[in-house]
Amino acid sequence: MEEKKMNLRLDVDVRKLEAERLRKGKTKAEEDLDSLKTDYKKLRLSIRTAGLGKTSEQWREEIQEEKNKANRWERKFQEV
C-alpha cells in the first residue's frame, strides 16, 4: 500500500512538472507570437512609407507618368 502511495505521489509530481513545462512553453509561444505581430506591423508600415505596397497596376501607372514627363521634357529640349 505504501509503495502504491509513493508511486502515485511520484506520478502526481511528474504530471505537475509536465503541466508547468507546458505552461512555460505556452507563455513563450504567446510572447513569440506577440513579437511576430509587432514585427509584422512595423514591416507593413515601412512598406507603406517606402511606397513598396503598390500593386503592379499602380507601378505601371507611375512608370507611364514618369515616361510621359520625360517625353515632355525631351520635346521641350528639342524645341529650344
PDB file of N, CA and C in Angstrom:
ATOM      1  N   MET A   1       0.812  -1.189   0.000  1.00  0.00           N
ATOM      2  CA  MET A   1       0.000   0.000   0.000  1.00  0.00           C
ATOM      3  C   MET A   1       0.860   1.260   0.000  1.00  0.00           C
ATOM      4  N   GLU A   2       1.909   1.275   0.839  1.00  0.00           N
ATOM      5  CA  GLU A   2       2.818   2.427   0.881  1.00  0.00           C
ATOM      6  C   GLU A   2       3.508   2.626  -0.460  1.00  0.00           C
ATOM      7  N   GLU A   3       3.864   1.524  -1.079  1.00  0.00           N
ATOM      8  CA  GLU A   3       4.524   1.611  -2.384  1.00  0.00           C
ATOM      9  C   GLU A   3       3.585   2.246  -3.404  1.00  0.00           C
ATOM     10  N   LYS A   4       2.296   1.881  -3.359  1.00  0.00           N
ATOM     11  CA  LYS A   4       1.317   2.466  -4.268  1.00  0.00           C
ATOM     12  C   LYS A   4       1.203   3.965  -4.039  1.00  0.00           C
ATOM     13  N   LYS A   5       1.161   4.376  -2.755  1.00  0.00           N
ATOM     14  CA  LYS A   5       1.070   5.795  -2.424  1.00  0.00           C
ATOM     15  C   LYS A   5       2.285   6.552  -2.968  1.00  0.00           C
ATOM     16  N   MET A   6       3.466   5.963  -2.784  1.00  0.00           N
ATOM     17  CA  MET A   6       4.686   6.594  -3.254  1.00  0.00           C
ATOM     18  C   MET A   6       4.651   6.735  -4.781  1.00  0.00           C
ATOM     19  N   ASN A   7       4.222   5.663  -5.441  1.00  0.00           N
ATOM     20  CA  ASN A   7       4.129   5.707  -6.907  1.00  0.00           C
ATOM     21  C   ASN A   7       3.125   6.762  -7.371  1.00  0.00           C
ATOM     22  N   LEU A   8       2.012   6.856  -6.655  1.00  0.00           N
ATOM     23  CA  LEU A   8       1.011   7.868  -7.003  1.00  0.00           C
ATOM     24  C   LEU A   8       1.555   9.270  -6.788  1.00  0.00           C
ATOM     25  N   ARG A   9       2.273   9.480  -5.698  1.00  0.00           N
ATOM     26  CA  ARG A   9       2.876  10.789  -5.435  1.00  0.00           C
ATOM     27  C   ARG A   9       3.888  11.137  -6.518  1.00  0.00           C
ATOM     28  N   LEU A  10       4.688  10.152  -6.885  1.00  0.00           N
ATOM     29  CA  LEU A  10       5.664  10.387  -7.957  1.00  0.00           C
ATOM     30  C   LEU A  10       4.954  10.716  -9.275  1.00  0.00           C
ATOM     31  N   ASP A  11       3.888   9.994  -9.529  1.00  0.00           N
ATOM     32  CA  ASP A  11       3.119  10.241 -10.744  1.00  0.00           C
ATOM     33  C   ASP A  11       2.533  11.658 -10.741  1.00  0.00           C
ATOM     34  N   VAL A  12       2.011  12.074  -9.589  1.00  0.00           N
ATOM     35  CA  VAL A  12       1.452  13.425  -9.460  1.00  0.00           C
ATOM     36  C   VAL A  12       2.551  14.459  -9.675  1.00  0.00           C
ATOM     37  N   ASP A  13       3.718  14.219  -9.058  1.00  0.00           N
ATOM     38  CA  ASP A  13       4.837  15.150  -9.217  1.00  0.00           C
ATOM     39  C   ASP A  13       5.247  15.264 -10.693  1.00  0.00           C
ATOM     40  N   VAL A  14       5.327  14.133 -11.362  1.00  0.00           N
ATOM     41  CA  VAL A  14       5.694  14.133 -12.780  1.00  0.00           C
ATOM     42  C   VAL A  14       4.662  14.914 -13.590  1.00  0.00           C
ATOM     43  N   ARG A  15       3.387  14.683 -13.307  1.00  0.00           N
ATOM     44  CA  ARG A  15       2.314  15.403 -14.029  1.00  0.00           C
ATOM     45  C   ARG A  15       2.389  16.907 -13.778  1.00  0.00           C
ATOM     46  N   LYS A  16       2.683  17.280 -12.519  1.00  0.00           N
ATOM     47  CA  LYS A  16       2.806  18.702 -12.198  1.00  0.00           C
ATOM     48  C   LYS A  16       3.955  19.335 -12.978  1.00  0.00           C
ATOM     49  N   LEU A  17       5.076  18.632 -13.023  1.00  0.00           N
ATOM     50  CA  LEU A  17       6.234  19.141 -13.775  1.00  0.00           C
ATOM     51  C   LEU A  17       5.915  19.280 -15.264  1.00  0.00           C
ATOM     52  N   GLU A  18       5.233  18.282 -15.805  1.00  0.00           N
ATOM     53  CA  GLU A  18       4.853  18.340 -17.216  1.00  0.00           C
ATOM     54  C   GLU A  18       3.909  19.509 -17.483  1.00  0.00           C
ATOM     55  N   ALA A  19       2.945  19.701 -16.576  1.00  0.00           N
ATOM     56  CA  ALA A  19       1.992  20.807 -16.729  1.00  0.00           C
ATOM     57  C   ALA A  19       2.724  22.146 -16.660  1.00  0.00           C
ATOM     58  N   GLU A  20       3.652  22.291 -15.740  1.00  0.00           N
ATOM     59  CA  GLU A  20       4.419  23.534 -15.626  1.00  0.00           C
ATOM     60  C   GLU A  20       5.260  23.784 -16.883  1.00  0.00           C
ATOM     61  N   ARG A  21       5.881  22.729 -17.389  1.00  0.00           N
ATOM     62  CA  ARG A  21       6.680  22.852 -18.610  1.00  0.00           C
ATOM     63  C   ARG A  21       5.805  23.288 -19.780  1.00  0.00           C
ATOM     64  N   LEU A  22       4.618  22.713 -19.866  1.00  0.00           N
ATOM     65  CA  LEU A  22       3.692  23.093 -20.934  1.00  0.00           C
ATOM     66  C   LEU A  22       3.221  24.541 -20.777  1.00  0.00           C
ATOM     67  N   ARG A  23       2.973  24.970 -19.559  1.00  0.00           N
ATOM     68  CA  ARG A  23       2.562  26.367 -19.313  1.00  0.00           C
ATOM     69  C   ARG A  23       3.664  27.326 -19.751  1.00  0.00           C
ATOM     70  N   LYS A  24       4.903  26.982 -19.378  1.00  0.00           N
ATOM     71  CA  LYS A  24       6.028  27.829 -19.771  1.00  0.00           C
ATOM     72  C   LYS A  24       6.168  27.862 -21.292  1.00  0.00           C
ATOM     73  N   GLY A  25       5.986  26.719 -21.921  1.00  0.00           N
ATOM     74  CA  GLY A  25       6.060  26.661 -23.387  1.00  0.00           C
ATOM     75  C   GLY A  25       4.965  27.490 -24.036  1.00  0.00           C
ATOM     76  N   LYS A  26       3.778  27.431 -23.456  1.00  0.00           N
ATOM     77  CA  LYS A  26       2.657  28.211 -23.994  1.00  0.00           C
ATOM     78  C   LYS A  26       2.936  29.700 -23.848  1.00  0.00           C
ATOM     79  N   THR A  27       3.440  30.093 -22.686  1.00  0.00           N
ATOM     80  CA  THR A  27       3.769  31.503 -22.448  1.00  0.00           C
ATOM     81  C   THR A  27       4.821  31.979 -23.446  1.00  0.00           C
ATOM     82  N   LYS A  28       5.844  31.163 -23.667  1.00  0.00           N
ATOM     83  CA  LYS A  28       6.904  31.514 -24.621  1.00  0.00           C
ATOM     84  C   LYS A  28       6.335  31.635 -26.024  1.00  0.00           C
ATOM     85  N   ALA A  29       5.470  30.718 -26.415  1.00  0.00           N
ATOM     86  CA  ALA A  29       4.860  30.763 -27.745  1.00  0.00           C
ATOM     87  C   ALA A  29       4.007  32.022 -27.902  1.00  0.00           C
ATOM     88  N   GLU A  30       3.283  32.395 -26.858  1.00  0.00           N
ATOM     89  CA  GLU A  30       2.460  33.611 -26.918  1.00  0.00           C
ATOM     90  C   GLU A  30       3.338  34.855 -27.034  1.00  0.00           C
ATOM     91  N   GLU A  31       4.456  34.879 -26.304  1.00  0.00           N
ATOM     92  CA  GLU A  31       5.380  36.008 -26.405  1.00  0.00           C
ATOM     93  C   GLU A  31       5.970  36.097 -27.810  1.00  0.00           C
ATOM     94  N   ASP A  32       6.352  34.954 -28.355  1.00  0.00           N
ATOM     95  CA  ASP A  32       6.897  34.928 -29.715  1.00  0.00           C
ATOM     96  C   ASP A  32       5.870  35.417 -30.728  1.00  0.00           C
ATOM     97  N   LEU A  33       4.628  34.990 -30.551  1.00  0.00           N
ATOM     98  CA  LEU A  33       3.562  35.418 -31.457  1.00  0.00           C
ATOM     99  C   LEU A  33       3.353  36.926 -31.367  1.00  0.00           C
ATOM    100  N   ASP A  34       3.336  37.466 -30.161  1.00  0.00           N
ATOM    101  CA  ASP A  34       3.198  38.913 -29.986  1.00  0.00           C
ATOM    102  C   ASP A  34       4.349  39.656 -30.660  1.00  0.00           C
ATOM    103  N   SER A  35       5.543  39.119 -30.510  1.00  0.00           N
ATOM    104  CA  SER A  35       6.712  39.740 -31.122  1.00  0.00           C
ATOM    105  C   SER A  35       6.599  39.710 -32.653  1.00  0.00           C
ATOM    106  N   LEU A  36       6.152  38.582 -33.191  1.00  0.00           N
ATOM    107  CA  LEU A  36       5.979  38.484 -34.642  1.00  0.00           C
ATOM    108  C   LEU A  36       4.922  39.461 -35.138  1.00  0.00           C
ATOM    109  N   LYS A  37       3.838  39.608 -34.381  1.00  0.00           N
ATOM    110  CA  LYS A  37       2.791  40.551 -34.770  1.00  0.00           C
ATOM    111  C   LYS A  37       3.339  41.975 -34.799  1.00  0.00           C
ATOM    112  N   THR A  38       4.131  42.321 -33.789  1.00  0.00           N
ATOM    113  CA  THR A  38       4.724  43.654 -33.732  1.00  0.00           C
ATOM    114  C   THR A  38       5.659  43.866 -34.916  1.00  0.00           C
ATOM    115  N   ASP A  39       6.503  42.875 -35.188  1.00  0.00           N
ATOM    116  CA  ASP A  39       7.420  42.982 -36.325  1.00  0.00           C
ATOM    117  C   ASP A  39       6.662  43.112 -37.638  1.00  0.00           C
ATOM    118  N   TYR A  40       5.577  42.370 -37.782  1.00  0.00           N
ATOM    119  CA  TYR A  40       4.767  42.428 -38.999  1.00  0.00           C
ATOM    120  C   TYR A  40       4.166  43.828 -39.178  1.00  0.00           C
ATOM    121  N   LYS A  41       3.654  44.404 -38.081  1.00  0.00           N
ATOM    122  CA  LYS A  41       3.082  45.753 -38.163  1.00  0.00           C
ATOM    123  C   LYS A  41       4.144  46.761 -38.573  1.00  0.00           C
ATOM    124  N   LYS A  42       5.343  46.651 -38.002  1.00  0.00           N
ATOM    125  CA  LYS A  42       6.437  47.560 -38.349  1.00  0.00           C
ATOM    126  C   LYS A  42       6.823  47.399 -39.817  1.00  0.00           C
ATOM    127  N   LEU A  43       6.872  46.155 -40.279  1.00  0.00           N
ATOM    128  CA  LEU A  43       7.224  45.891 -41.671  1.00  0.00           C
ATOM    129  C   LEU A  43       6.187  46.478 -42.617  1.00  0.00           C
ATOM    130  N   ARG A  44       4.900  46.277 -42.307  1.00  0.00           N
ATOM    131  CA  ARG A  44       3.832  46.832 -43.155  1.00  0.00           C
ATOM    132  C   ARG A  44       3.916  48.352 -43.201  1.00  0.00           C
ATOM    133  N   LEU A  45       4.200  48.979 -42.056  1.00  0.00           N
ATOM    134  CA  LEU A  45       4.336  50.429 -42.012  1.00  0.00           C
ATOM    135  C   LEU A  45       5.522  50.879 -42.861  1.00  0.00           C
ATOM    136  N   SER A  46       6.633  50.162 -42.770  1.00  0.00           N
ATOM    137  CA  SER A  46       7.816  50.500 -43.574  1.00  0.00           C
ATOM    138  C   SER A  46       7.516  50.365 -45.062  1.00  0.00           C
ATOM    139  N   ILE A  47       6.786  49.325 -45.414  1.00  0.00           N
ATOM    140  CA  ILE A  47       6.441  49.112 -46.823  1.00  0.00           C
ATOM    141  C   ILE A  47       5.569  50.250 -47.326  1.00  0.00           C
ATOM    142  N   ARG A  48       4.580  50.650 -46.512  1.00  0.00           N
ATOM    143  CA  ARG A  48       3.703  51.757 -46.914  1.00  0.00           C
ATOM    144  C   ARG A  48       4.494  53.054 -47.013  1.00  0.00           C
ATOM    145  N   THR A  49       5.367  53.290 -46.038  1.00  0.00           N
ATOM    146  CA  THR A  49       6.158  54.519 -46.007  1.00  0.00           C
ATOM    147  C   THR A  49       7.077  54.590 -47.225  1.00  0.00           C
ATOM    148  N   ALA A  50       7.666  53.466 -47.593  1.00  0.00           N
ATOM    149  CA  ALA A  50       8.588  53.427 -48.725  1.00  0.00           C
ATOM    150  C   ALA A  50       7.853  53.352 -50.055  1.00  0.00           C
ATOM    151  N   GLY A  51       6.557  53.156 -50.021  1.00  0.00           N
ATOM    152  CA  GLY A  51       5.795  53.076 -51.267  1.00  0.00           C
ATOM    153  C   GLY A  51       5.900  51.734 -51.954  1.00  0.00           C
ATOM    154  N   LEU A  52       6.351  50.740 -51.234  1.00  0.00           N
ATOM    155  CA  LEU A  52       6.531  49.422 -51.836  1.00  0.00           C
ATOM    156  C   LEU A  52       5.262  48.592 -51.834  1.00  0.00           C
ATOM    157  N   GLY A  53       4.210  49.097 -51.204  1.00  0.00           N
ATOM    158  CA  GLY A  53       2.975  48.337 -51.102  1.00  0.00           C
ATOM    159  C   GLY A  53       2.036  48.551 -52.274  1.00  0.00           C
ATOM    160  N   LYS A  54       2.575  49.064 -53.381  1.00  0.00           N
ATOM    161  CA  LYS A  54       1.729  49.342 -54.537  1.00  0.00           C
ATOM    162  C   LYS A  54       1.455  48.066 -55.325  1.00  0.00           C
ATOM    163  N   THR A  55       0.322  48.076 -55.998  1.00  0.00           N
ATOM    164  CA  THR A  55       0.012  46.956 -56.879  1.00  0.00           C
ATOM    165  C   THR A  55       0.796  47.127 -58.166  1.00  0.00           C
ATOM    166  N   SER A  56       0.879  46.074 -58.964  1.00  0.00           N
ATOM    167  CA  SER A  56       1.608  46.177 -60.225  1.00  0.00           C
ATOM    168  C   SER A  56       0.952  47.209 -61.146  1.00  0.00           C
ATOM    169  N   GLU A  57      -0.365  47.320 -61.067  1.00  0.00           N
ATOM    170  CA  GLU A  57      -1.057  48.326 -61.892  1.00  0.00           C
ATOM    171  C   GLU A  57      -0.665  49.733 -61.458  1.00  0.00           C
ATOM    172  N   GLN A  58      -0.570  49.960 -60.172  1.00  0.00           N
ATOM    173  CA  GLN A  58      -0.146  51.274 -59.675  1.00  0.00           C
ATOM    174  C   GLN A  58       1.280  51.588 -60.112  1.00  0.00           C
ATOM    175  N   TRP A  59       2.149  50.578 -60.088  1.00  0.00           N
ATOM    176  CA  TRP A  59       3.525  50.787 -60.553  1.00  0.00           C
ATOM    177  C   TRP A  59       3.535  51.108 -62.047  1.00  0.00           C
ATOM    178  N   ARG A  60       2.722  50.394 -62.849  1.00  0.00           N
ATOM    179  CA  ARG A  60       2.666  50.665 -64.290  1.00  0.00           C
ATOM    180  C   ARG A  60       2.221  52.101 -64.546  1.00  0.00           C
ATOM    181  N   GLU A  61       1.196  52.546 -63.815  1.00  0.00           N
ATOM    182  CA  GLU A  61       0.710  53.917 -63.986  1.00  0.00           C
ATOM    183  C   GLU A  61       1.790  54.931 -63.631  1.00  0.00           C
ATOM    184  N   GLU A  62       2.495  54.690 -62.524  1.00  0.00           N
ATOM    185  CA  GLU A  62       3.541  55.622 -62.114  1.00  0.00           C
ATOM    186  C   GLU A  62       4.672  55.653 -63.137  1.00  0.00           C
ATOM    187  N   ILE A  63       5.046  54.517 -63.653  1.00  0.00           N
ATOM    188  CA  ILE A  63       6.105  54.449 -64.655  1.00  0.00           C
ATOM    189  C   ILE A  63       5.674  55.176 -65.918  1.00  0.00           C
ATOM    190  N   GLN A  64       4.420  54.965 -66.325  1.00  0.00           N
ATOM    191  CA  GLN A  64       3.910  55.638 -67.517  1.00  0.00           C
ATOM    192  C   GLN A  64       3.916  57.152 -67.336  1.00  0.00           C
ATOM    193  N   GLU A  65       3.514  57.617 -66.152  1.00  0.00           N
ATOM    194  CA  GLU A  65       3.551  59.051 -65.863  1.00  0.00           C
ATOM    195  C   GLU A  65       4.963  59.594 -65.972  1.00  0.00           C
ATOM    196  N   GLU A  66       5.916  58.870 -65.427  1.00  0.00           N
ATOM    197  CA  GLU A  66       7.317  59.321 -65.498  1.00  0.00           C
ATOM    198  C   GLU A  66       7.819  59.327 -66.930  1.00  0.00           C
ATOM    199  N   LYS A  67       7.423  58.328 -67.713  1.00  0.00           N
ATOM    200  CA  LYS A  67       7.813  58.313 -69.128  1.00  0.00           C
ATOM    201  C   LYS A  67       7.218  59.510 -69.858  1.00  0.00           C
ATOM    202  N   ASN A  68       5.961  59.824 -69.555  1.00  0.00           N
ATOM    203  CA  ASN A  68       5.312  60.971 -70.182  1.00  0.00           C
ATOM    204  C   ASN A  68       6.039  62.267 -69.816  1.00  0.00           C
ATOM    205  N   LYS A  69       6.419  62.416 -68.551  1.00  0.00           N
ATOM    206  CA  LYS A  69       7.171  63.595 -68.129  1.00  0.00           C
ATOM    207  C   LYS A  69       8.493  63.688 -68.879  1.00  0.00           C
ATOM    208  N   ALA A  70       9.178  62.555 -68.979  1.00  0.00           N
ATOM    209  CA  ALA A  70      10.469  62.542 -69.684  1.00  0.00           C
ATOM    210  C   ALA A  70      10.283  62.925 -71.147  1.00  0.00           C
ATOM    211  N   ASN A  71       9.223  62.424 -71.761  1.00  0.00           N
ATOM    212  CA  ASN A  71       8.961  62.757 -73.171  1.00  0.00           C
ATOM    213  C   ASN A  71       8.664  64.243 -73.330  1.00  0.00           C
ATOM    214  N   ARG A  72       7.892  64.832 -72.413  1.00  0.00           N
ATOM    215  CA  ARG A  72       7.602  66.267 -72.487  1.00  0.00           C
ATOM    216  C   ARG A  72       8.874  67.084 -72.376  1.00  0.00           C
ATOM    217  N   TRP A  73       9.732  66.701 -71.430  1.00  0.00           N
ATOM    218  CA  TRP A  73      10.991  67.422 -71.276  1.00  0.00           C
ATOM    219  C   TRP A  73      11.868  67.255 -72.520  1.00  0.00           C
ATOM    220  N   GLU A  74      11.858  66.079 -73.092  1.00  0.00           N
ATOM    221  CA  GLU A  74      12.642  65.824 -74.314  1.00  0.00           C
ATOM    222  C   GLU A  74      12.148  66.721 -75.443  1.00  0.00           C
ATOM    223  N   ARG A  75      10.826  66.828 -75.606  1.00  0.00           N
ATOM    224  CA  ARG A  75      10.264  67.691 -76.667  1.00  0.00           C
ATOM    225  C   ARG A  75      10.619  69.160 -76.433  1.00  0.00           C
ATOM    226  N   LYS A  76      10.510  69.604 -75.151  1.00  0.00           N
ATOM    227  CA  LYS A  76      10.853  70.986 -74.838  1.00  0.00           C
ATOM    228  C   LYS A  76      12.319  71.253 -75.146  1.00  0.00           C
ATOM    229  N   PHE A  77      13.171  70.301 -74.809  1.00  0.00           N
ATOM    230  CA  PHE A  77      14.601  70.451 -75.054  1.00  0.00           C
ATOM    231  C   PHE A  77      14.872  70.556 -76.569  1.00  0.00           C
ATOM    232  N   GLN A  78      14.178  69.731 -77.356  1.00  0.00           N
ATOM    233  CA  GLN A  78      14.389  69.742 -78.810  1.00  0.00           C
ATOM    234  C   GLN A  78      13.851  71.033 -79.443  1.00  0.00           C
ATOM    235  N   GLU A  79      12.801  71.594 -78.875  1.00  0.00           N
ATOM    236  CA  GLU A  79      12.232  72.829 -79.399  1.00  0.00           C
ATOM    237  C   GLU A  79      13.185  73.999 -79.190  1.00  0.00           C
ATOM    238  N   VAL A  80      13.941  73.959 -78.126  1.00  0.00           N
ATOM    239  CA  VAL A  80      14.863  75.058 -77.805  1.00  0.00           C
ATOM    240  C   VAL A  80      16.135  74.818 -78.559  1.00  0.00           C
TER     241      VAL A  80
END
